[in-house]
């Protein structure tokens, strides 16, 4: 899902890149370029075994050259699928730290589940076993953008986004899979061995990218001799915290946008300190649906206002917004975009 999304590769200048050297984590891709080509994937020229930096001979600036940009993601790179020319993403991960990520990715991408309208998981095209490393797998996925690129324009767009991530996590929970990391790379998954109706599934605590989870704090762990917890309420916290930190103003978090205060009661419950008192994802989805019903079409088509927007900036954006708004009405574009 969402935390898999990433955007255009940029590069932070270092002495290594300026001198035409690969960064340490890029060496893996160079060393496996030939094998990946036999599997139908062509890496960037930068990762060819005989690569010579183009800017050393063409007189151009390094960052103006395609091979002058290193991936900022140590485990993800872009690639061209040779059979159709599609740009895809390759993500390598360790079986030790994410032993079932590939399995779950293929499970959610299966024909039986792809048609589920609540399945918003990023498709997994293929899982590759690295031949010279029994501990490493590579997942092949679509090449995606960041979740907020381009920025949201209307309230309806942000409602559509929240609807999709709530549905997506609820979909995973319906199939007894906990996401376990909504901030960093989504590498921790758990599938409950029994339905939750029998008893809460207790799993070993895994620290994801979000280190603010109440039940993961030292004081809570001291009271937890088994060092295990039900991962599903923790998932609810992760998602609520993403909405809290990135979309609305709540408690000590500054708002990125103005006018989303109506989400605060639901989000407050999702990040409740006691995990047993948090709503389930089924309840979150139901409550969000009720909130959605209270929003008028004009409200949903209204412009999303970033916090700190100046008067002149707001006027300029409003003019552009109303041009698009009228066009959407004429074309009967839904106020809440429907994912294709």
C-alpha atoms as a PDB file:
ATOM      1  CA  UNK A   1       0.000   0.000   0.000  1.00  0.00           C
ATOM      2  CA  UNK A   2       0.673   3.707   0.299  1.00  0.00           C
ATOM      3  CA  UNK A   3       4.126   3.559   2.061  1.00  0.00           C
ATOM      4  CA  UNK A   4       5.501   1.821  -1.079  1.00  0.00           C
ATOM      5  CA  UNK A   5       5.008   5.012  -3.086  1.00  0.00           C
ATOM      6  CA  UNK A   6       8.041   6.989  -4.134  1.00  0.00           C
ATOM      7  CA  UNK A   7       8.868   9.676  -6.638  1.00  0.00           C
ATOM      8  CA  UNK A   8      11.451  11.006  -9.039  1.00  0.00           C
ATOM      9  CA  UNK A   9      14.971  10.014  -8.132  1.00  0.00           C
ATOM     10  CA  UNK A  10      17.232  12.829  -7.013  1.00  0.00           C
ATOM     11  CA  UNK A  11      20.735  12.785  -5.658  1.00  0.00           C
ATOM     12  CA  UNK A  12      22.543  14.357  -2.738  1.00  0.00           C
ATOM     13  CA  UNK A  13      26.074  15.300  -3.846  1.00  0.00           C
ATOM     14  CA  UNK A  14      28.798  13.354  -2.070  1.00  0.00           C
ATOM     15  CA  UNK A  15      32.486  12.991  -2.746  1.00  0.00           C
ATOM     16  CA  UNK A  16      31.767   9.518  -4.101  1.00  0.00           C
ATOM     17  CA  UNK A  17      29.111  10.593  -6.597  1.00  0.00           C
ATOM     18  CA  UNK A  18      31.065  13.652  -7.674  1.00  0.00           C
ATOM     19  CA  UNK A  19      34.037  11.434  -8.479  1.00  0.00           C
ATOM     20  CA  UNK A  20      31.872   9.018 -10.437  1.00  0.00           C
ATOM     21  CA  UNK A  21      31.702   6.274  -7.827  1.00  0.00           C
ATOM     22  CA  UNK A  22      28.637   4.263  -6.907  1.00  0.00           C
ATOM     23  CA  UNK A  23      27.311   4.620  -3.398  1.00  0.00           C
ATOM     24  CA  UNK A  24      27.813   1.479  -1.275  1.00  0.00           C
ATOM     25  CA  UNK A  25      24.181   0.375  -1.511  1.00  0.00           C
ATOM     26  CA  UNK A  26      24.221   0.766  -5.313  1.00  0.00           C
ATOM     27  CA  UNK A  27      26.921  -1.874  -5.741  1.00  0.00           C
ATOM     28  CA  UNK A  28      24.289  -4.604  -5.294  1.00  0.00           C
ATOM     29  CA  UNK A  29      22.454  -3.442  -8.415  1.00  0.00           C
ATOM     30  CA  UNK A  30      25.642  -3.257 -10.488  1.00  0.00           C
ATOM     31  CA  UNK A  31      26.688  -6.740  -9.375  1.00  0.00           C
ATOM     32  CA  UNK A  32      23.295  -8.183 -10.345  1.00  0.00           C
ATOM     33  CA  UNK A  33      22.707  -6.214 -13.557  1.00  0.00           C
ATOM     34  CA  UNK A  34      23.563  -9.085 -15.892  1.00  0.00           C
ATOM     35  CA  UNK A  35      21.393 -11.564 -14.006  1.00  0.00           C
ATOM     36  CA  UNK A  36      18.463  -9.136 -13.971  1.00  0.00           C
ATOM     37  CA  UNK A  37      18.807  -8.652 -17.727  1.00  0.00           C
ATOM     38  CA  UNK A  38      18.372 -12.421 -18.168  1.00  0.00           C
ATOM     39  CA  UNK A  39      15.131 -12.101 -16.185  1.00  0.00           C
ATOM     40  CA  UNK A  40      13.899  -9.381 -18.533  1.00  0.00           C
ATOM     41  CA  UNK A  41      14.800  -6.234 -16.592  1.00  0.00           C
ATOM     42  CA  UNK A  42      17.205  -3.544 -17.782  1.00  0.00           C
ATOM     43  CA  UNK A  43      18.801  -1.352 -15.140  1.00  0.00           C
ATOM     44  CA  UNK A  44      19.968   2.211 -15.743  1.00  0.00           C
ATOM     45  CA  UNK A  45      23.325   2.788 -17.503  1.00  0.00           C
ATOM     46  CA  UNK A  46      24.778   3.770 -14.139  1.00  0.00           C
ATOM     47  CA  UNK A  47      24.631   0.143 -13.010  1.00  0.00           C
ATOM     48  CA  UNK A  48      26.261  -1.428 -16.042  1.00  0.00           C
ATOM     49  CA  UNK A  49      29.473  -3.314 -15.134  1.00  0.00           C
ATOM     50  CA  UNK A  50      31.528  -1.213 -17.576  1.00  0.00           C
ATOM     51  CA  UNK A  51      29.927   2.129 -16.650  1.00  0.00           C
ATOM     52  CA  UNK A  52      32.031   5.237 -17.227  1.00  0.00           C
ATOM     53  CA  UNK A  53      30.436   8.475 -15.898  1.00  0.00           C
ATOM     54  CA  UNK A  54      29.232  10.432 -18.918  1.00  0.00           C
ATOM     55  CA  UNK A  55      29.950  13.825 -17.365  1.00  0.00           C
ATOM     56  CA  UNK A  56      33.674  13.092 -17.299  1.00  0.00           C
ATOM     57  CA  UNK A  57      33.774  13.338 -21.079  1.00  0.00           C
ATOM     58  CA  UNK A  58      30.778  15.362 -22.289  1.00  0.00           C
ATOM     59  CA  UNK A  59      31.506  18.545 -20.337  1.00  0.00           C
ATOM     60  CA  UNK A  60      28.049  18.649 -18.728  1.00  0.00           C
ATOM     61  CA  UNK A  61      27.181  19.045 -15.056  1.00  0.00           C
ATOM     62  CA  UNK A  62      26.775  15.753 -13.230  1.00  0.00           C
ATOM     63  CA  UNK A  63      23.135  16.299 -12.254  1.00  0.00           C
ATOM     64  CA  UNK A  64      22.199  17.165 -15.854  1.00  0.00           C
ATOM     65  CA  UNK A  65      23.262  13.652 -16.891  1.00  0.00           C
ATOM     66  CA  UNK A  66      20.934  10.687 -16.493  1.00  0.00           C
ATOM     67  CA  UNK A  67      23.672   8.537 -15.006  1.00  0.00           C
ATOM     68  CA  UNK A  68      24.675  11.281 -12.580  1.00  0.00           C
ATOM     69  CA  UNK A  69      21.699  10.673 -10.311  1.00  0.00           C
ATOM     70  CA  UNK A  70      21.929   7.988  -7.663  1.00  0.00           C
ATOM     71  CA  UNK A  71      18.807   6.507  -6.133  1.00  0.00           C
ATOM     72  CA  UNK A  72      18.153   7.921  -2.644  1.00  0.00           C
ATOM     73  CA  UNK A  73      16.553   4.626  -1.661  1.00  0.00           C
ATOM     74  CA  UNK A  74      19.011   2.000  -0.529  1.00  0.00           C
ATOM     75  CA  UNK A  75      16.727  -0.904  -1.421  1.00  0.00           C
ATOM     76  CA  UNK A  76      14.675   0.414  -4.351  1.00  0.00           C
ATOM     77  CA  UNK A  77      15.608   1.313  -7.908  1.00  0.00           C
ATOM     78  CA  UNK A  78      13.823   1.923 -11.198  1.00  0.00           C
ATOM     79  CA  UNK A  79      14.093  -0.447 -14.124  1.00  0.00           C
ATOM     80  CA  UNK A  80      12.733  -1.042 -17.622  1.00  0.00           C
ATOM     81  CA  UNK A  81      10.813  -4.244 -18.287  1.00  0.00           C
ATOM     82  CA  UNK A  82      12.209  -5.282 -21.641  1.00  0.00           C
ATOM     83  CA  UNK A  83       9.155  -7.152 -22.921  1.00  0.00           C
ATOM     84  CA  UNK A  84       6.992  -4.012 -23.068  1.00  0.00           C
ATOM     85  CA  UNK A  85       9.220  -1.062 -22.151  1.00  0.00           C
ATOM     86  CA  UNK A  86       7.306  -0.361 -18.944  1.00  0.00           C
ATOM     87  CA  UNK A  87       9.165   1.365 -16.122  1.00  0.00           C
ATOM     88  CA  UNK A  88       8.943  -0.726 -12.967  1.00  0.00           C
ATOM     89  CA  UNK A  89      10.401  -0.587  -9.478  1.00  0.00           C
ATOM     90  CA  UNK A  90      12.649  -3.253  -8.016  1.00  0.00           C
ATOM     91  CA  UNK A  91      12.740  -3.572  -4.247  1.00  0.00           C
ATOM     92  CA  UNK A  92      15.164  -5.903  -2.520  1.00  0.00           C
ATOM     93  CA  UNK A  93      14.561  -7.149   0.978  1.00  0.00           C
ATOM     94  CA  UNK A  94      15.891  -9.698   3.401  1.00  0.00           C
ATOM     95  CA  UNK A  95      13.994 -12.871   4.150  1.00  0.00           C
ATOM     96  CA  UNK A  96      15.167 -12.437   7.729  1.00  0.00           C
ATOM     97  CA  UNK A  97      13.383  -9.099   8.263  1.00  0.00           C
ATOM     98  CA  UNK A  98      10.488  -9.504   5.847  1.00  0.00           C
ATOM     99  CA  UNK A  99      10.102 -13.249   5.339  1.00  0.00           C
ATOM    100  CA  UNK A 100       6.543 -13.078   3.980  1.00  0.00           C
ATOM    101  CA  UNK A 101       6.447  -9.743   2.164  1.00  0.00           C
ATOM    102  CA  UNK A 102       6.777 -11.334  -1.259  1.00  0.00           C
ATOM    103  CA  UNK A 103       4.247 -14.021  -0.392  1.00  0.00           C
ATOM    104  CA  UNK A 104       1.646 -11.508   0.755  1.00  0.00           C
ATOM    105  CA  UNK A 105       2.324  -9.254  -2.221  1.00  0.00           C
ATOM    106  CA  UNK A 106       1.570 -12.085  -4.629  1.00  0.00           C
ATOM    107  CA  UNK A 107      -1.425 -13.127  -2.520  1.00  0.00           C
ATOM    108  CA  UNK A 108      -3.022  -9.678  -2.740  1.00  0.00           C
ATOM    109  CA  UNK A 109      -2.157  -9.475  -6.452  1.00  0.00           C
ATOM    110  CA  UNK A 110      -3.818 -12.787  -7.264  1.00  0.00           C
ATOM    111  CA  UNK A 111      -6.735 -12.911  -9.697  1.00  0.00           C
ATOM    112  CA  UNK A 112      -9.053 -13.880  -6.849  1.00  0.00           C
ATOM    113  CA  UNK A 113      -8.334 -10.677  -4.906  1.00  0.00           C
ATOM    114  CA  UNK A 114      -7.368  -8.060  -7.511  1.00  0.00           C
ATOM    115  CA  UNK A 115     -11.015  -7.480  -8.370  1.00  0.00           C
ATOM    116  CA  UNK A 116     -11.980  -6.561  -4.802  1.00  0.00           C
ATOM    117  CA  UNK A 117     -12.894  -2.858  -4.840  1.00  0.00           C
ATOM    118  CA  UNK A 118     -11.238  -2.403  -1.438  1.00  0.00           C
ATOM    119  CA  UNK A 119      -7.934  -3.883  -2.563  1.00  0.00           C
ATOM    120  CA  UNK A 120      -5.663  -0.865  -2.932  1.00  0.00           C
ATOM    121  CA  UNK A 121      -2.437  -2.771  -2.312  1.00  0.00           C
ATOM    122  CA  UNK A 122       0.396  -2.026  -4.718  1.00  0.00           C
ATOM    123  CA  UNK A 123       0.455  -4.864  -7.291  1.00  0.00           C
ATOM    124  CA  UNK A 124       3.384  -7.244  -7.183  1.00  0.00           C
ATOM    125  CA  UNK A 125       4.271  -8.497 -10.657  1.00  0.00           C
ATOM    126  CA  UNK A 126       6.935 -10.968  -9.686  1.00  0.00           C
ATOM    127  CA  UNK A 127       9.187 -12.071  -6.830  1.00  0.00           C
ATOM    128  CA  UNK A 128      12.760 -12.956  -7.787  1.00  0.00           C
ATOM    129  CA  UNK A 129      15.149 -15.136  -5.788  1.00  0.00           C
ATOM    130  CA  UNK A 130      18.655 -13.668  -5.945  1.00  0.00           C
ATOM    131  CA  UNK A 131      20.745 -16.632  -7.161  1.00  0.00           C
ATOM    132  CA  UNK A 132      23.933 -15.977  -5.182  1.00  0.00           C
ATOM    133  CA  UNK A 133      22.212 -14.904  -1.970  1.00  0.00           C
ATOM    134  CA  UNK A 134      19.712 -17.204  -0.332  1.00  0.00           C
ATOM    135  CA  UNK A 135      18.622 -14.474   2.082  1.00  0.00           C
ATOM    136  CA  UNK A 136      17.603 -11.820  -0.464  1.00  0.00           C
ATOM    137  CA  UNK A 137      14.501 -11.470  -2.641  1.00  0.00           C
ATOM    138  CA  UNK A 138      13.528  -8.793  -5.166  1.00  0.00           C
ATOM    139  CA  UNK A 139       9.930  -7.648  -5.604  1.00  0.00           C
ATOM    140  CA  UNK A 140       8.900  -6.206  -8.979  1.00  0.00           C
ATOM    141  CA  UNK A 141       6.223  -3.501  -8.670  1.00  0.00           C
ATOM    142  CA  UNK A 142       4.832  -0.556 -10.640  1.00  0.00           C
ATOM    143  CA  UNK A 143       6.902   2.630 -10.618  1.00  0.00           C
ATOM    144  CA  UNK A 144       4.793   5.029  -8.559  1.00  0.00           C
ATOM    145  CA  UNK A 145       4.775   8.614  -7.355  1.00  0.00           C
ATOM    146  CA  UNK A 146       4.662   9.982  -3.835  1.00  0.00           C
ATOM    147  CA  UNK A 147       1.165   9.987  -2.365  1.00  0.00           C
ATOM    148  CA  UNK A 148       1.030  13.811  -2.331  1.00  0.00           C
ATOM    149  CA  UNK A 149       2.603  14.439  -5.749  1.00  0.00           C
ATOM    150  CA  UNK A 150       0.907  16.336  -7.291  1.00  0.00           C
ATOM    151  CA  UNK A 151      -0.532  18.116  -4.229  1.00  0.00           C
ATOM    152  CA  UNK A 152      -4.221  17.705  -3.450  1.00  0.00           C
ATOM    153  CA  UNK A 153      -6.344  20.432  -5.027  1.00  0.00           C
ATOM    154  CA  UNK A 154      -9.796  19.854  -3.521  1.00  0.00           C
ATOM    155  CA  UNK A 155     -11.262  18.445  -0.341  1.00  0.00           C
ATOM    156  CA  UNK A 156     -12.850  15.704  -2.451  1.00  0.00           C
ATOM    157  CA  UNK A 157      -9.424  14.541  -3.601  1.00  0.00           C
ATOM    158  CA  UNK A 158      -8.151  14.202  -0.052  1.00  0.00           C
ATOM    159  CA  UNK A 159     -11.358  12.419   0.995  1.00  0.00           C
ATOM    160  CA  UNK A 160     -10.823   9.961  -1.857  1.00  0.00           C
ATOM    161  CA  UNK A 161      -7.245   9.369  -0.701  1.00  0.00           C
ATOM    162  CA  UNK A 162      -8.241   8.747   2.916  1.00  0.00           C
ATOM    163  CA  UNK A 163     -11.083   6.485   1.778  1.00  0.00           C
ATOM    164  CA  UNK A 164      -8.657   4.373  -0.225  1.00  0.00           C
ATOM    165  CA  UNK A 165      -6.067   3.948   2.524  1.00  0.00           C
ATOM    166  CA  UNK A 166      -8.780   3.074   5.057  1.00  0.00           C
ATOM    167  CA  UNK A 167     -10.340   0.574   2.655  1.00  0.00           C
ATOM    168  CA  UNK A 168      -6.932  -0.853   1.833  1.00  0.00           C
ATOM    169  CA  UNK A 169      -5.980  -1.515   5.443  1.00  0.00           C
ATOM    170  CA  UNK A 170      -9.444  -2.881   6.204  1.00  0.00           C
ATOM    171  CA  UNK A 171      -9.043  -5.205   3.214  1.00  0.00           C
ATOM    172  CA  UNK A 172      -5.747  -6.500   4.605  1.00  0.00           C
ATOM    173  CA  UNK A 173      -7.261  -7.013   8.045  1.00  0.00           C
ATOM    174  CA  UNK A 174     -10.193  -8.904   6.531  1.00  0.00           C
ATOM    175  CA  UNK A 175      -7.621 -11.365   5.259  1.00  0.00           C
ATOM    176  CA  UNK A 176      -5.914 -11.471   8.669  1.00  0.00           C
ATOM    177  CA  UNK A 177      -2.808  -9.630   7.497  1.00  0.00           C
ATOM    178  CA  UNK A 178      -1.373  -6.773   9.565  1.00  0.00           C
ATOM    179  CA  UNK A 179       0.684  -4.144   7.763  1.00  0.00           C
ATOM    180  CA  UNK A 180       2.876  -3.209  10.774  1.00  0.00           C
ATOM    181  CA  UNK A 181       4.656  -0.193   9.275  1.00  0.00           C
ATOM    182  CA  UNK A 182       2.885   2.847   7.854  1.00  0.00           C
ATOM    183  CA  UNK A 183       5.833   5.219   7.823  1.00  0.00           C
ATOM    184  CA  UNK A 184       8.965   3.602   6.488  1.00  0.00           C
ATOM    185  CA  UNK A 185       9.402   0.802   4.006  1.00  0.00           C
ATOM    186  CA  UNK A 186       6.501  -1.571   4.465  1.00  0.00           C
ATOM    187  CA  UNK A 187       8.524  -4.656   5.223  1.00  0.00           C
ATOM    188  CA  UNK A 188       6.796  -6.091   8.272  1.00  0.00           C
ATOM    189  CA  UNK A 189       3.704  -8.211   7.756  1.00  0.00           C
ATOM    190  CA  UNK A 190       1.925 -10.672   9.990  1.00  0.00           C
ATOM    191  CA  UNK A 191      -0.787 -13.109   9.123  1.00  0.00           C
ATOM    192  CA  UNK A 192      -2.810 -14.307  12.088  1.00  0.00           C
ATOM    193  CA  UNK A 193      -2.915 -18.066  12.380  1.00  0.00           C
ATOM    194  CA  UNK A 194      -6.488 -18.025  13.644  1.00  0.00           C
ATOM    195  CA  UNK A 195      -9.444 -15.697  13.064  1.00  0.00           C
ATOM    196  CA  UNK A 196      -9.539 -12.777  15.480  1.00  0.00           C
ATOM    197  CA  UNK A 197     -12.919 -13.920  16.791  1.00  0.00           C
ATOM    198  CA  UNK A 198     -11.223 -16.820  18.578  1.00  0.00           C
ATOM    199  CA  UNK A 199      -8.804 -14.667  20.565  1.00  0.00           C
ATOM    200  CA  UNK A 200      -6.664 -11.620  19.853  1.00  0.00           C
ATOM    201  CA  UNK A 201      -3.688 -12.697  17.744  1.00  0.00           C
ATOM    202  CA  UNK A 202      -0.532 -11.963  19.734  1.00  0.00           C
ATOM    203  CA  UNK A 203       2.640 -11.386  17.747  1.00  0.00           C
ATOM    204  CA  UNK A 204       6.171 -10.386  18.668  1.00  0.00           C
ATOM    205  CA  UNK A 205       6.454  -6.603  18.693  1.00  0.00           C
ATOM    206  CA  UNK A 206       8.065  -5.178  15.559  1.00  0.00           C
ATOM    207  CA  UNK A 207       9.306  -1.594  15.590  1.00  0.00           C
ATOM    208  CA  UNK A 208       8.200   0.063  12.358  1.00  0.00           C
ATOM    209  CA  UNK A 209       9.208   3.457  11.038  1.00  0.00           C
ATOM    210  CA  UNK A 210       6.753   5.214  13.380  1.00  0.00           C
ATOM    211  CA  UNK A 211       8.336   4.997  16.841  1.00  0.00           C
ATOM    212  CA  UNK A 212       5.507   6.823  18.647  1.00  0.00           C
ATOM    213  CA  UNK A 213       3.257   3.762  19.166  1.00  0.00           C
ATOM    214  CA  UNK A 214       2.196   3.807  22.862  1.00  0.00           C
ATOM    215  CA  UNK A 215       2.392   0.029  23.323  1.00  0.00           C
ATOM    216  CA  UNK A 216       5.957   0.037  21.968  1.00  0.00           C
ATOM    217  CA  UNK A 217       7.294   2.573  24.467  1.00  0.00           C
ATOM    218  CA  UNK A 218       9.780   1.405  27.149  1.00  0.00           C
ATOM    219  CA  UNK A 219       7.323   1.908  30.013  1.00  0.00           C
ATOM    220  CA  UNK A 220       4.693  -0.213  28.260  1.00  0.00           C
ATOM    221  CA  UNK A 221       7.208  -2.921  27.381  1.00  0.00           C
ATOM    222  CA  UNK A 222       8.238  -3.183  31.031  1.00  0.00           C
ATOM    223  CA  UNK A 223       4.655  -4.186  31.790  1.00  0.00           C
ATOM    224  CA  UNK A 224       4.605  -6.687  28.914  1.00  0.00           C
ATOM    225  CA  UNK A 225       6.694  -9.735  29.867  1.00  0.00           C
ATOM    226  CA  UNK A 226       5.935 -11.585  26.608  1.00  0.00           C
ATOM    227  CA  UNK A 227       6.984  -8.581  24.461  1.00  0.00           C
ATOM    228  CA  UNK A 228       4.044  -9.338  22.177  1.00  0.00           C
ATOM    229  CA  UNK A 229       0.864  -7.517  21.224  1.00  0.00           C
ATOM    230  CA  UNK A 230      -2.125  -7.632  18.901  1.00  0.00           C
ATOM    231  CA  UNK A 231      -0.763  -6.032  15.686  1.00  0.00           C
ATOM    232  CA  UNK A 232      -4.172  -4.981  14.347  1.00  0.00           C
ATOM    233  CA  UNK A 233      -4.870  -2.129  16.831  1.00  0.00           C
ATOM    234  CA  UNK A 234      -1.274  -1.001  16.258  1.00  0.00           C
ATOM    235  CA  UNK A 235      -2.069  -0.775  12.543  1.00  0.00           C
ATOM    236  CA  UNK A 236      -5.043   1.447  13.402  1.00  0.00           C
ATOM    237  CA  UNK A 237      -2.698   3.722  15.345  1.00  0.00           C
ATOM    238  CA  UNK A 238      -0.206   3.857  12.473  1.00  0.00           C
ATOM    239  CA  UNK A 239      -2.876   4.935  10.000  1.00  0.00           C
ATOM    240  CA  UNK A 240      -4.432   7.446  12.378  1.00  0.00           C
ATOM    241  CA  UNK A 241      -1.028   8.940  13.059  1.00  0.00           C
ATOM    242  CA  UNK A 242      -0.320   9.331   9.335  1.00  0.00           C
ATOM    243  CA  UNK A 243      -3.560  11.284   8.927  1.00  0.00           C
ATOM    244  CA  UNK A 244      -2.835  13.279  12.083  1.00  0.00           C
ATOM    245  CA  UNK A 245       0.709  14.214  11.158  1.00  0.00           C
ATOM    246  CA  UNK A 246       0.311  14.859   7.452  1.00  0.00           C
ATOM    247  CA  UNK A 247      -3.242  16.035   6.846  1.00  0.00           C
ATOM    248  CA  UNK A 248      -4.925  17.622   9.867  1.00  0.00           C
ATOM    249  CA  UNK A 249      -4.135  19.592  12.971  1.00  0.00           C
ATOM    250  CA  UNK A 250      -4.474  17.610  16.172  1.00  0.00           C
ATOM    251  CA  UNK A 251      -2.871  18.067  19.581  1.00  0.00           C
ATOM    252  CA  UNK A 252       0.706  19.299  19.053  1.00  0.00           C
ATOM    253  CA  UNK A 253       0.876  18.601  15.311  1.00  0.00           C
ATOM    254  CA  UNK A 254       0.671  21.618  12.960  1.00  0.00           C
ATOM    255  CA  UNK A 255      -1.860  21.267  10.172  1.00  0.00           C
ATOM    256  CA  UNK A 256      -0.698  20.956   6.588  1.00  0.00           C
ATOM    257  CA  UNK A 257      -4.173  21.959   5.452  1.00  0.00           C
ATOM    258  CA  UNK A 258      -6.994  24.086   6.817  1.00  0.00           C
ATOM    259  CA  UNK A 259     -10.570  22.797   7.012  1.00  0.00           C
ATOM    260  CA  UNK A 260     -10.167  19.119   7.909  1.00  0.00           C
ATOM    261  CA  UNK A 261     -11.114  19.505  11.569  1.00  0.00           C
ATOM    262  CA  UNK A 262     -14.151  17.260  11.084  1.00  0.00           C
ATOM    263  CA  UNK A 263     -11.766  14.283  11.021  1.00  0.00           C
ATOM    264  CA  UNK A 264     -10.369  14.969  14.485  1.00  0.00           C
ATOM    265  CA  UNK A 265     -12.790  12.845  16.570  1.00  0.00           C
ATOM    266  CA  UNK A 266     -12.172   9.750  14.445  1.00  0.00           C
ATOM    267  CA  UNK A 267      -8.414  10.247  14.330  1.00  0.00           C
ATOM    268  CA  UNK A 268      -8.280  10.867  18.093  1.00  0.00           C
ATOM    269  CA  UNK A 269      -9.895   7.481  18.664  1.00  0.00           C
ATOM    270  CA  UNK A 270      -7.541   5.781  16.207  1.00  0.00           C
ATOM    271  CA  UNK A 271      -4.472   7.019  18.118  1.00  0.00           C
ATOM    272  CA  UNK A 272      -5.904   6.325  21.574  1.00  0.00           C
ATOM    273  CA  UNK A 273      -3.182   5.332  24.022  1.00  0.00           C
ATOM    274  CA  UNK A 274      -4.923   2.121  25.088  1.00  0.00           C
ATOM    275  CA  UNK A 275      -4.907  -0.163  22.010  1.00  0.00           C
ATOM    276  CA  UNK A 276      -7.931  -2.082  23.299  1.00  0.00           C
ATOM    277  CA  UNK A 277     -10.026   1.085  23.060  1.00  0.00           C
ATOM    278  CA  UNK A 278      -9.139   1.895  19.465  1.00  0.00           C
ATOM    279  CA  UNK A 279     -11.783   1.159  16.819  1.00  0.00           C
ATOM    280  CA  UNK A 280     -11.254  -1.736  14.432  1.00  0.00           C
ATOM    281  CA  UNK A 281     -10.625  -0.925  10.780  1.00  0.00           C
ATOM    282  CA  UNK A 282     -14.173  -2.063  10.029  1.00  0.00           C
ATOM    283  CA  UNK A 283     -15.440   0.525  12.504  1.00  0.00           C
ATOM    284  CA  UNK A 284     -13.066   3.173  11.126  1.00  0.00           C
ATOM    285  CA  UNK A 285     -14.389   2.555   7.617  1.00  0.00           C
ATOM    286  CA  UNK A 286     -17.992   2.778   8.808  1.00  0.00           C
ATOM    287  CA  UNK A 287     -17.424   6.001  10.749  1.00  0.00           C
ATOM    288  CA  UNK A 288     -15.539   7.576   7.863  1.00  0.00           C
ATOM    289  CA  UNK A 289     -18.435   6.689   5.582  1.00  0.00           C
ATOM    290  CA  UNK A 290     -20.822   8.536   7.897  1.00  0.00           C
ATOM    291  CA  UNK A 291     -18.509  11.566   7.901  1.00  0.00           C
ATOM    292  CA  UNK A 292     -18.376  11.476   4.104  1.00  0.00           C
ATOM    293  CA  UNK A 293     -22.179  11.585   3.917  1.00  0.00           C
ATOM    294  CA  UNK A 294     -22.255  14.904   5.780  1.00  0.00           C
ATOM    295  CA  UNK A 295     -20.065  16.661   3.194  1.00  0.00           C
ATOM    296  CA  UNK A 296     -21.933  18.529   0.467  1.00  0.00           C
ATOM    297  CA  UNK A 297     -20.874  18.543  -3.181  1.00  0.00           C
ATOM    298  CA  UNK A 298     -19.843  22.191  -2.921  1.00  0.00           C
ATOM    299  CA  UNK A 299     -17.756  21.379   0.156  1.00  0.00           C
ATOM    300  CA  UNK A 300     -16.080  18.468  -1.600  1.00  0.00           C
ATOM    301  CA  UNK A 301     -15.264  20.633  -4.622  1.00  0.00           C
ATOM    302  CA  UNK A 302     -13.865  23.415  -2.439  1.00  0.00           C
ATOM    303  CA  UNK A 303     -10.179  24.250  -2.658  1.00  0.00           C
ATOM    304  CA  UNK A 304      -7.819  22.721  -0.145  1.00  0.00           C
ATOM    305  CA  UNK A 305      -6.051  25.594   1.600  1.00  0.00           C
ATOM    306  CA  UNK A 306      -2.485  24.969   2.820  1.00  0.00           C
ATOM    307  CA  UNK A 307      -1.638  26.378   6.241  1.00  0.00           C
ATOM    308  CA  UNK A 308       0.261  29.657   6.028  1.00  0.00           C
ATOM    309  CA  UNK A 309      -0.974  30.541   2.550  1.00  0.00           C
ATOM    310  CA  UNK A 310      -0.629  34.265   1.850  1.00  0.00           C
ATOM    311  CA  UNK A 311      -3.373  36.514   0.455  1.00  0.00           C
ATOM    312  CA  UNK A 312      -1.881  36.960  -3.010  1.00  0.00           C
ATOM    313  CA  UNK A 313      -0.893  33.307  -3.211  1.00  0.00           C
ATOM    314  CA  UNK A 314      -4.411  32.304  -2.190  1.00  0.00           C
ATOM    315  CA  UNK A 315      -5.968  34.622  -4.790  1.00  0.00           C
ATOM    316  CA  UNK A 316      -3.798  33.180  -7.547  1.00  0.00           C
ATOM    317  CA  UNK A 317      -4.608  29.613  -6.549  1.00  0.00           C
ATOM    318  CA  UNK A 318      -8.322  30.384  -6.230  1.00  0.00           C
ATOM    319  CA  UNK A 319      -8.490  31.657  -9.812  1.00  0.00           C
ATOM    320  CA  UNK A 320      -6.872  28.487 -11.127  1.00  0.00           C
ATOM    321  CA  UNK A 321      -9.061  26.367  -8.874  1.00  0.00           C
ATOM    322  CA  UNK A 322     -12.300  27.903 -10.145  1.00  0.00           C
ATOM    323  CA  UNK A 323     -11.261  27.404 -13.757  1.00  0.00           C
ATOM    324  CA  UNK A 324     -10.754  23.704 -13.023  1.00  0.00           C
ATOM    325  CA  UNK A 325     -13.900  23.608 -10.883  1.00  0.00           C
ATOM    326  CA  UNK A 326     -16.103  24.820 -13.744  1.00  0.00           C
ATOM    327  CA  UNK A 327     -14.438  22.406 -16.145  1.00  0.00           C
ATOM    328  CA  UNK A 328     -15.086  19.495 -13.751  1.00  0.00           C
ATOM    329  CA  UNK A 329     -18.751  20.445 -13.448  1.00  0.00           C
ATOM    330  CA  UNK A 330     -19.174  20.679 -17.227  1.00  0.00           C
ATOM    331  CA  UNK A 331     -17.492  17.296 -17.697  1.00  0.00           C
ATOM    332  CA  UNK A 332     -19.447  15.849 -14.746  1.00  0.00           C
ATOM    333  CA  UNK A 333     -16.246  14.788 -13.055  1.00  0.00           C
ATOM    334  CA  UNK A 334     -17.093  13.285  -9.627  1.00  0.00           C
ATOM    335  CA  UNK A 335     -16.368  15.546  -6.662  1.00  0.00           C
ATOM    336  CA  UNK A 336     -14.656  12.566  -5.035  1.00  0.00           C
ATOM    337  CA  UNK A 337     -12.333  11.005  -7.638  1.00  0.00           C
ATOM    338  CA  UNK A 338     -12.860   7.310  -8.251  1.00  0.00           C
ATOM    339  CA  UNK A 339      -9.638   5.290  -8.641  1.00  0.00           C
ATOM    340  CA  UNK A 340      -9.300   3.566 -11.984  1.00  0.00           C
END
